[in-house]
Full PDB file with SEQRES, HELIX, SHEET, SSBOND, CRYST1, ORIGX, SCALE, CONECT and MASTER records, all heavy atoms in Angstrom:
SEQRES   1 A   31  GLU GLU LEU TRP GLY MET GLY MET GLY ASP LEU LEU SER          
SEQRES   2 A   31  SER MET PHE GLU PHE SER GLU LYS LEU SER ALA LEU ASP          
SEQRES   3 A   31  LEU SER ASP GLU GLU                                          
HELIX    1 AA1 TRP A    4  MET A    6  5                                   3    
HELIX    2 AA2 GLY A    9  ALA A   24  1                                  16    
CRYST1    1.000    1.000    1.000  90.00  90.00  90.00 P 1           1          
ORIGX1      1.000000  0.000000  0.000000        0.00000                         
ORIGX2      0.000000  1.000000  0.000000        0.00000                         
ORIGX3      0.000000  0.000000  1.000000        0.00000                         
SCALE1      1.000000  0.000000  0.000000        0.00000                         
SCALE2      0.000000  1.000000  0.000000        0.00000                         
SCALE3      0.000000  0.000000  1.000000        0.00000                         
ATOM      1  N   GLU A   1       0.834  -1.210   0.000  1.00  0.00           N  
ATOM      2  CA  GLU A   1       0.000   0.000   0.000  1.00  0.00           C  
ATOM      3  C   GLU A   1       0.869   1.260   0.000  1.00  0.00           C  
ATOM      4  O   GLU A   1       0.613   2.212  -0.734  1.00  0.00           O  
ATOM      5  CB  GLU A   1      -0.909  -0.030   1.225  1.00  0.00           C  
ATOM      6  CG  GLU A   1      -1.828   1.152   1.361  1.00  0.00           C  
ATOM      7  CD  GLU A   1      -2.664   1.045   2.628  1.00  0.00           C  
ATOM      8  OE1 GLU A   1      -3.211  -0.039   2.905  1.00  0.00           O  
ATOM      9  OE2 GLU A   1      -2.746   2.067   3.339  1.00  0.00           O  
ATOM     10  N   GLU A   2       1.905   1.252   0.816  1.00  0.00           N  
ATOM     11  CA  GLU A   2       2.810   2.404   0.899  1.00  0.00           C  
ATOM     12  C   GLU A   2       3.523   2.629  -0.427  1.00  0.00           C  
ATOM     13  O   GLU A   2       3.647   3.759  -0.901  1.00  0.00           O  
ATOM     14  CB  GLU A   2       3.829   2.164   2.016  1.00  0.00           C  
ATOM     15  CG  GLU A   2       4.793   3.288   2.236  1.00  0.00           C  
ATOM     16  CD  GLU A   2       5.704   3.045   3.434  1.00  0.00           C  
ATOM     17  OE1 GLU A   2       5.713   1.943   4.014  1.00  0.00           O  
ATOM     18  OE2 GLU A   2       6.409   3.996   3.802  1.00  0.00           O  
ATOM     19  N   LEU A   3       3.990   1.555  -1.053  1.00  0.00           N  
ATOM     20  CA  LEU A   3       4.702   1.676  -2.327  1.00  0.00           C  
ATOM     21  C   LEU A   3       3.764   2.069  -3.456  1.00  0.00           C  
ATOM     22  O   LEU A   3       4.135   2.840  -4.340  1.00  0.00           O  
ATOM     23  CB  LEU A   3       5.441   0.374  -2.642  1.00  0.00           C  
ATOM     24  CG  LEU A   3       6.517  -0.009  -1.619  1.00  0.00           C  
ATOM     25  CD1 LEU A   3       7.121  -1.357  -1.968  1.00  0.00           C  
ATOM     26  CD2 LEU A   3       7.594   1.059  -1.521  1.00  0.00           C  
ATOM     27  N   TRP A   4       2.538   1.546  -3.443  1.00  0.00           N  
ATOM     28  CA  TRP A   4       1.560   1.950  -4.451  1.00  0.00           C  
ATOM     29  C   TRP A   4       1.300   3.449  -4.351  1.00  0.00           C  
ATOM     30  O   TRP A   4       1.147   4.128  -5.354  1.00  0.00           O  
ATOM     31  CB  TRP A   4       0.243   1.185  -4.291  1.00  0.00           C  
ATOM     32  CG  TRP A   4       0.202  -0.131  -4.996  1.00  0.00           C  
ATOM     33  CD1 TRP A   4       0.580  -0.393  -6.285  1.00  0.00           C  
ATOM     34  CD2 TRP A   4      -0.240  -1.373  -4.459  1.00  0.00           C  
ATOM     35  NE1 TRP A   4       0.405  -1.725  -6.567  1.00  0.00           N  
ATOM     36  CE2 TRP A   4      -0.100  -2.354  -5.458  1.00  0.00           C  
ATOM     37  CE3 TRP A   4      -0.742  -1.754  -3.224  1.00  0.00           C  
ATOM     38  CZ2 TRP A   4      -0.451  -3.684  -5.276  1.00  0.00           C  
ATOM     39  CZ3 TRP A   4      -1.088  -3.078  -3.047  1.00  0.00           C  
ATOM     40  CH2 TRP A   4      -0.933  -4.032  -4.054  1.00  0.00           C  
ATOM     41  N   GLY A   5       1.277   3.954  -3.139  1.00  0.00           N  
ATOM     42  CA  GLY A   5       1.042   5.376  -2.915  1.00  0.00           C  
ATOM     43  C   GLY A   5       2.148   6.258  -3.458  1.00  0.00           C  
ATOM     44  O   GLY A   5       1.983   7.466  -3.602  1.00  0.00           O  
ATOM     45  N   MET A   6       3.289   5.672  -3.785  1.00  0.00           N  
ATOM     46  CA  MET A   6       4.427   6.416  -4.336  1.00  0.00           C  
ATOM     47  C   MET A   6       4.422   6.418  -5.860  1.00  0.00           C  
ATOM     48  O   MET A   6       5.351   6.904  -6.477  1.00  0.00           O  
ATOM     49  CB  MET A   6       5.736   5.784  -3.859  1.00  0.00           C  
ATOM     50  CG  MET A   6       5.988   5.916  -2.397  1.00  0.00           C  
ATOM     51  SD  MET A   6       7.460   5.000  -1.887  1.00  0.00           S  
ATOM     52  CE  MET A   6       8.648   5.413  -3.130  1.00  0.00           C  
ATOM     53  N   GLY A   7       3.420   5.815  -6.452  1.00  0.00           N  
ATOM     54  CA  GLY A   7       3.366   5.774  -7.909  1.00  0.00           C  
ATOM     55  C   GLY A   7       4.017   4.544  -8.511  1.00  0.00           C  
ATOM     56  O   GLY A   7       4.355   4.522  -9.676  1.00  0.00           O  
ATOM     57  N   MET A   8       4.235   3.515  -7.718  1.00  0.00           N  
ATOM     58  CA  MET A   8       4.852   2.290  -8.205  1.00  0.00           C  
ATOM     59  C   MET A   8       3.801   1.261  -8.603  1.00  0.00           C  
ATOM     60  O   MET A   8       4.112   0.081  -8.710  1.00  0.00           O  
ATOM     61  CB  MET A   8       5.752   1.684  -7.123  1.00  0.00           C  
ATOM     62  CG  MET A   8       6.945   2.481  -6.750  1.00  0.00           C  
ATOM     63  SD  MET A   8       7.857   1.610  -5.453  1.00  0.00           S  
ATOM     64  CE  MET A   8       9.525   1.842  -5.994  1.00  0.00           C  
ATOM     65  N   GLY A   9       2.581   1.670  -8.813  1.00  0.00           N  
ATOM     66  CA  GLY A   9       1.450   0.769  -8.997  1.00  0.00           C  
ATOM     67  C   GLY A   9       1.605  -0.325 -10.026  1.00  0.00           C  
ATOM     68  O   GLY A   9       1.573  -1.505  -9.690  1.00  0.00           O  
ATOM     69  N   ASP A  10       1.745   0.035 -11.305  1.00  0.00           N  
ATOM     70  CA  ASP A  10       1.760  -0.970 -12.366  1.00  0.00           C  
ATOM     71  C   ASP A  10       2.954  -1.913 -12.254  1.00  0.00           C  
ATOM     72  O   ASP A  10       2.804  -3.128 -12.328  1.00  0.00           O  
ATOM     73  CB  ASP A  10       1.748  -0.306 -13.747  1.00  0.00           C  
ATOM     74  CG  ASP A  10       0.436   0.389 -14.047  1.00  0.00           C  
ATOM     75  OD1 ASP A  10      -0.587   0.046 -13.403  1.00  0.00           O  
ATOM     76  OD2 ASP A  10       0.426   1.279 -14.912  1.00  0.00           O  
ATOM     77  N   LEU A  11       4.137  -1.348 -12.081  1.00  0.00           N  
ATOM     78  CA  LEU A  11       5.335  -2.176 -11.960  1.00  0.00           C  
ATOM     79  C   LEU A  11       5.232  -3.073 -10.729  1.00  0.00           C  
ATOM     80  O   LEU A  11       5.498  -4.272 -10.792  1.00  0.00           O  
ATOM     81  CB  LEU A  11       6.588  -1.306 -11.872  1.00  0.00           C  
ATOM     82  CG  LEU A  11       7.899  -2.044 -11.635  1.00  0.00           C  
ATOM     83  CD1 LEU A  11       8.203  -3.018 -12.769  1.00  0.00           C  
ATOM     84  CD2 LEU A  11       9.041  -1.060 -11.449  1.00  0.00           C  
ATOM     85  N   LEU A  12       4.831  -2.497  -9.631  1.00  0.00           N  
ATOM     86  CA  LEU A  12       4.725  -3.250  -8.384  1.00  0.00           C  
ATOM     87  C   LEU A  12       3.696  -4.369  -8.499  1.00  0.00           C  
ATOM     88  O   LEU A  12       3.937  -5.491  -8.055  1.00  0.00           O  
ATOM     89  CB  LEU A  12       4.371  -2.309  -7.242  1.00  0.00           C  
ATOM     90  CG  LEU A  12       4.482  -2.867  -5.844  1.00  0.00           C  
ATOM     91  CD1 LEU A  12       5.920  -3.241  -5.532  1.00  0.00           C  
ATOM     92  CD2 LEU A  12       3.985  -1.851  -4.838  1.00  0.00           C  
ATOM     93  N   SER A  13       2.566  -4.072  -9.119  1.00  0.00           N  
ATOM     94  CA  SER A  13       1.527  -5.091  -9.302  1.00  0.00           C  
ATOM     95  C   SER A  13       2.042  -6.248 -10.146  1.00  0.00           C  
ATOM     96  O   SER A  13       1.814  -7.414  -9.826  1.00  0.00           O  
ATOM     97  CB  SER A  13       0.284  -4.476  -9.951  1.00  0.00           C  
ATOM     98  OG  SER A  13      -0.310  -3.546  -9.090  1.00  0.00           O  
ATOM     99  N   SER A  14       2.753  -5.920 -11.226  1.00  0.00           N  
ATOM    100  CA  SER A  14       3.316  -6.967 -12.089  1.00  0.00           C  
ATOM    101  C   SER A  14       4.348  -7.802 -11.347  1.00  0.00           C  
ATOM    102  O   SER A  14       4.359  -9.032 -11.450  1.00  0.00           O  
ATOM    103  CB  SER A  14       3.964  -6.348 -13.323  1.00  0.00           C  
ATOM    104  OG  SER A  14       3.006  -5.711 -14.115  1.00  0.00           O  
ATOM    105  N   MET A  15       5.208  -7.125 -10.598  1.00  0.00           N  
ATOM    106  CA  MET A  15       6.237  -7.838  -9.845  1.00  0.00           C  
ATOM    107  C   MET A  15       5.605  -8.721  -8.766  1.00  0.00           C  
ATOM    108  O   MET A  15       6.046  -9.848  -8.545  1.00  0.00           O  
ATOM    109  CB  MET A  15       7.231  -6.853  -9.225  1.00  0.00           C  
ATOM    110  CG  MET A  15       8.104  -6.167 -10.242  1.00  0.00           C  
ATOM    111  SD  MET A  15       9.203  -4.945  -9.510  1.00  0.00           S  
ATOM    112  CE  MET A  15      10.440  -6.003  -8.765  1.00  0.00           C  
ATOM    113  N   PHE A  16       4.601  -8.213  -8.103  1.00  0.00           N  
ATOM    114  CA  PHE A  16       3.937  -8.974  -7.051  1.00  0.00           C  
ATOM    115  C   PHE A  16       3.247 -10.203  -7.644  1.00  0.00           C  
ATOM    116  O   PHE A  16       3.362 -11.308  -7.107  1.00  0.00           O  
ATOM    117  CB  PHE A  16       2.931  -8.093  -6.310  1.00  0.00           C  
ATOM    118  CG  PHE A  16       2.336  -8.770  -5.116  1.00  0.00           C  
ATOM    119  CD1 PHE A  16       3.052  -8.880  -3.941  1.00  0.00           C  
ATOM    120  CD2 PHE A  16       1.070  -9.304  -5.171  1.00  0.00           C  
ATOM    121  CE1 PHE A  16       2.518  -9.508  -2.833  1.00  0.00           C  
ATOM    122  CE2 PHE A  16       0.516  -9.944  -4.067  1.00  0.00           C  
ATOM    123  CZ  PHE A  16       1.248 -10.036  -2.898  1.00  0.00           C  
ATOM    124  N   GLU A  17       2.558 -10.027  -8.774  1.00  0.00           N  
ATOM    125  CA  GLU A  17       1.882 -11.151  -9.429  1.00  0.00           C  
ATOM    126  C   GLU A  17       2.888 -12.209  -9.874  1.00  0.00           C  
ATOM    127  O   GLU A  17       2.687 -13.402  -9.670  1.00  0.00           O  
ATOM    128  CB  GLU A  17       1.094 -10.634 -10.632  1.00  0.00           C  
ATOM    129  CG  GLU A  17       0.280 -11.698 -11.328  1.00  0.00           C  
ATOM    130  CD  GLU A  17      -0.495 -11.126 -12.508  1.00  0.00           C  
ATOM    131  OE1 GLU A  17      -0.998  -9.996 -12.416  1.00  0.00           O  
ATOM    132  OE2 GLU A  17      -0.568 -11.831 -13.535  1.00  0.00           O  
ATOM    133  N   PHE A  18       4.006 -11.761 -10.462  1.00  0.00           N  
ATOM    134  CA  PHE A  18       5.052 -12.687 -10.875  1.00  0.00           C  
ATOM    135  C   PHE A  18       5.609 -13.429  -9.664  1.00  0.00           C  
ATOM    136  O   PHE A  18       5.800 -14.650  -9.690  1.00  0.00           O  
ATOM    137  CB  PHE A  18       6.177 -11.942 -11.607  1.00  0.00           C  
ATOM    138  CG  PHE A  18       7.344 -12.815 -11.940  1.00  0.00           C  
ATOM    139  CD1 PHE A  18       7.269 -13.706 -12.999  1.00  0.00           C  
ATOM    140  CD2 PHE A  18       8.507 -12.757 -11.196  1.00  0.00           C  
ATOM    141  CE1 PHE A  18       8.342 -14.533 -13.308  1.00  0.00           C  
ATOM    142  CE2 PHE A  18       9.583 -13.571 -11.493  1.00  0.00           C  
ATOM    143  CZ  PHE A  18       9.503 -14.465 -12.556  1.00  0.00           C  
ATOM    144  N   SER A  19       5.864 -12.698  -8.592  1.00  0.00           N  
ATOM    145  CA  SER A  19       6.400 -13.286  -7.368  1.00  0.00           C  
ATOM    146  C   SER A  19       5.481 -14.366  -6.825  1.00  0.00           C  
ATOM    147  O   SER A  19       5.926 -15.437  -6.410  1.00  0.00           O  
ATOM    148  CB  SER A  19       6.598 -12.192  -6.327  1.00  0.00           C  
ATOM    149  OG  SER A  19       6.858 -12.728  -5.073  1.00  0.00           O  
ATOM    150  N   GLU A  20       4.194 -14.071  -6.830  1.00  0.00           N  
ATOM    151  CA  GLU A  20       3.197 -15.019  -6.336  1.00  0.00           C  
ATOM    152  C   GLU A  20       3.211 -16.309  -7.167  1.00  0.00           C  
ATOM    153  O   GLU A  20       3.207 -17.417  -6.627  1.00  0.00           O  
ATOM    154  CB  GLU A  20       1.829 -14.345  -6.404  1.00  0.00           C  
ATOM    155  CG  GLU A  20       0.765 -14.966  -5.578  1.00  0.00           C  
ATOM    156  CD  GLU A  20      -0.485 -14.085  -5.534  1.00  0.00           C  
ATOM    157  OE1 GLU A  20      -0.724 -13.268  -6.439  1.00  0.00           O  
ATOM    158  OE2 GLU A  20      -1.230 -14.239  -4.552  1.00  0.00           O  
ATOM    159  N   LYS A  21       3.284 -16.170  -8.483  1.00  0.00           N  
ATOM    160  CA  LYS A  21       3.286 -17.342  -9.370  1.00  0.00           C  
ATOM    161  C   LYS A  21       4.585 -18.130  -9.259  1.00  0.00           C  
ATOM    162  O   LYS A  21       4.565 -19.360  -9.241  1.00  0.00           O  
ATOM    163  CB  LYS A  21       3.039 -16.907 -10.818  1.00  0.00           C  
ATOM    164  CG  LYS A  21       1.621 -16.432 -11.036  1.00  0.00           C  
ATOM    165  CD  LYS A  21       1.405 -15.940 -12.444  1.00  0.00           C  
ATOM    166  CE  LYS A  21      -0.023 -15.458 -12.610  1.00  0.00           C  
ATOM    167  NZ  LYS A  21      -0.271 -14.938 -13.952  1.00  0.00           N  
ATOM    168  N   LEU A  22       5.706 -17.430  -9.165  1.00  0.00           N  
ATOM    169  CA  LEU A  22       6.990 -18.112  -9.030  1.00  0.00           C  
ATOM    170  C   LEU A  22       7.054 -18.856  -7.697  1.00  0.00           C  
ATOM    171  O   LEU A  22       7.509 -19.998  -7.637  1.00  0.00           O  
ATOM    172  CB  LEU A  22       8.146 -17.108  -9.144  1.00  0.00           C  
ATOM    173  CG  LEU A  22       9.552 -17.697  -9.138  1.00  0.00           C  
ATOM    174  CD1 LEU A  22       9.766 -18.634 -10.333  1.00  0.00           C  
ATOM    175  CD2 LEU A  22      10.591 -16.581  -9.145  1.00  0.00           C  
ATOM    176  N   SER A  23       6.571 -18.242  -6.651  1.00  0.00           N  
ATOM    177  CA  SER A  23       6.560 -18.863  -5.329  1.00  0.00           C  
ATOM    178  C   SER A  23       5.721 -20.144  -5.331  1.00  0.00           C  
ATOM    179  O   SER A  23       6.082 -21.132  -4.680  1.00  0.00           O  
ATOM    180  CB  SER A  23       6.025 -17.876  -4.299  1.00  0.00           C  
ATOM    181  OG  SER A  23       5.938 -18.474  -3.040  1.00  0.00           O  
ATOM    182  N   ALA A  24       4.621 -20.124  -6.068  1.00  0.00           N  
ATOM    183  CA  ALA A  24       3.734 -21.289  -6.126  1.00  0.00           C  
ATOM    184  C   ALA A  24       4.421 -22.503  -6.753  1.00  0.00           C  
ATOM    185  O   ALA A  24       4.034 -23.643  -6.494  1.00  0.00           O  
ATOM    186  CB  ALA A  24       2.467 -20.944  -6.910  1.00  0.00           C  
ATOM    187  N   LEU A  25       5.469 -22.264  -7.557  1.00  0.00           N  
ATOM    188  CA  LEU A  25       6.205 -23.377  -8.164  1.00  0.00           C  
ATOM    189  C   LEU A  25       7.049 -24.128  -7.146  1.00  0.00           C  
ATOM    190  O   LEU A  25       7.451 -25.261  -7.384  1.00  0.00           O  
ATOM    191  CB  LEU A  25       7.106 -22.867  -9.302  1.00  0.00           C  
ATOM    192  CG  LEU A  25       6.385 -22.266 -10.504  1.00  0.00           C  
ATOM    193  CD1 LEU A  25       7.402 -21.684 -11.481  1.00  0.00           C  
ATOM    194  CD2 LEU A  25       5.505 -23.298 -11.182  1.00  0.00           C  
ATOM    195  N   ASP A  26       7.347 -23.476  -6.016  1.00  0.00           N  
ATOM    196  CA  ASP A  26       8.121 -24.081  -4.922  1.00  0.00           C  
ATOM    197  C   ASP A  26       9.426 -24.697  -5.438  1.00  0.00           C  
ATOM    198  O   ASP A  26       9.726 -25.866  -5.166  1.00  0.00           O  
ATOM    199  CB  ASP A  26       7.260 -25.119  -4.200  1.00  0.00           C  
ATOM    200  CG  ASP A  26       7.820 -25.462  -2.836  1.00  0.00           C  
ATOM    201  OD1 ASP A  26       8.487 -24.597  -2.224  1.00  0.00           O  
ATOM    202  OD2 ASP A  26       7.613 -26.610  -2.383  1.00  0.00           O  
ATOM    203  N   LEU A  27      10.192 -23.897  -6.177  1.00  0.00           N  
ATOM    204  CA  LEU A  27      11.454 -24.371  -6.754  1.00  0.00           C  
ATOM    205  C   LEU A  27      12.541 -24.473  -5.688  1.00  0.00           C  
ATOM    206  O   LEU A  27      12.619 -23.633  -4.791  1.00  0.00           O  
ATOM    207  CB  LEU A  27      11.919 -23.414  -7.854  1.00  0.00           C  
ATOM    208  CG  LEU A  27      10.991 -23.216  -9.050  1.00  0.00           C  
ATOM    209  CD1 LEU A  27      11.560 -22.165  -9.998  1.00  0.00           C  
ATOM    210  CD2 LEU A  27      10.758 -24.525  -9.782  1.00  0.00           C  
ATOM    211  N   SER A  28      13.373 -25.489  -5.833  1.00  0.00           N  
ATOM    212  CA  SER A  28      14.549 -25.601  -4.957  1.00  0.00           C  
ATOM    213  C   SER A  28      15.553 -24.533  -5.408  1.00  0.00           C  
ATOM    214  O   SER A  28      15.402 -23.923  -6.469  1.00  0.00           O  
ATOM    215  CB  SER A  28      15.172 -26.995  -5.091  1.00  0.00           C  
ATOM    216  OG  SER A  28      15.730 -27.148  -6.395  1.00  0.00           O  
ATOM    217  N   ASP A  29      16.600 -24.323  -4.628  1.00  0.00           N  
ATOM    218  CA  ASP A  29      17.636 -23.356  -5.007  1.00  0.00           C  
ATOM    219  C   ASP A  29      18.259 -23.730  -6.350  1.00  0.00           C  
ATOM    220  O   ASP A  29      18.527 -22.863  -7.180  1.00  0.00           O  
ATOM    221  CB  ASP A  29      18.721 -23.281  -3.935  1.00  0.00           C  
ATOM    222  CG  ASP A  29      18.245 -22.579  -2.670  1.00  0.00           C  
ATOM    223  OD1 ASP A  29      17.192 -21.892  -2.711  1.00  0.00           O  
ATOM    224  OD2 ASP A  29      18.925 -22.713  -1.638  1.00  0.00           O  
ATOM    225  N   GLU A  30      18.485 -25.009  -6.549  1.00  0.00           N  
ATOM    226  CA  GLU A  30      19.083 -25.474  -7.803  1.00  0.00           C  
ATOM    227  C   GLU A  30      18.148 -25.209  -8.976  1.00  0.00           C  
ATOM    228  O   GLU A  30      18.576 -24.737 -10.033  1.00  0.00           O  
ATOM    229  CB  GLU A  30      19.427 -26.968  -7.728  1.00  0.00           C  
ATOM    230  CG  GLU A  30      20.529 -27.309  -6.749  1.00  0.00           C  
ATOM    231  CD  GLU A  30      20.053 -27.408  -5.287  1.00  0.00           C  
ATOM    232  OE1 GLU A  30      18.820 -27.371  -5.024  1.00  0.00           O  
ATOM    233  OE2 GLU A  30      20.926 -27.503  -4.407  1.00  0.00           O  
ATOM    234  N   GLU A  31      16.865 -25.512  -8.804  1.00  0.00           N  
ATOM    235  CA  GLU A  31      15.888 -25.277  -9.876  1.00  0.00           C  
ATOM    236  C   GLU A  31      15.747 -23.783 -10.169  1.00  0.00           C  
ATOM    237  O   GLU A  31      15.655 -23.386 -11.332  1.00  0.00           O  
ATOM    238  CB  GLU A  31      14.523 -25.857  -9.488  1.00  0.00           C  
ATOM    239  CG  GLU A  31      14.501 -27.371  -9.435  1.00  0.00           C  
ATOM    240  CD  GLU A  31      13.261 -27.931  -8.755  1.00  0.00           C  
ATOM    241  OE1 GLU A  31      12.698 -27.275  -7.841  1.00  0.00           O  
ATOM    242  OE2 GLU A  31      12.851 -29.049  -9.139  1.00  0.00           O  
TER     243      GLU A  31                                                      
MASTER        0    0    0    2    0    0    0    6  242    1    0    3          
END                                                                             
């Protein structure tokens, strides 16, 4: 919320969505 308030909305939303999807893959460090 704080970062969105700084005008980081679109980039932050994309990064957050990507992060969520990558995390769901539960990759090991090697993967």
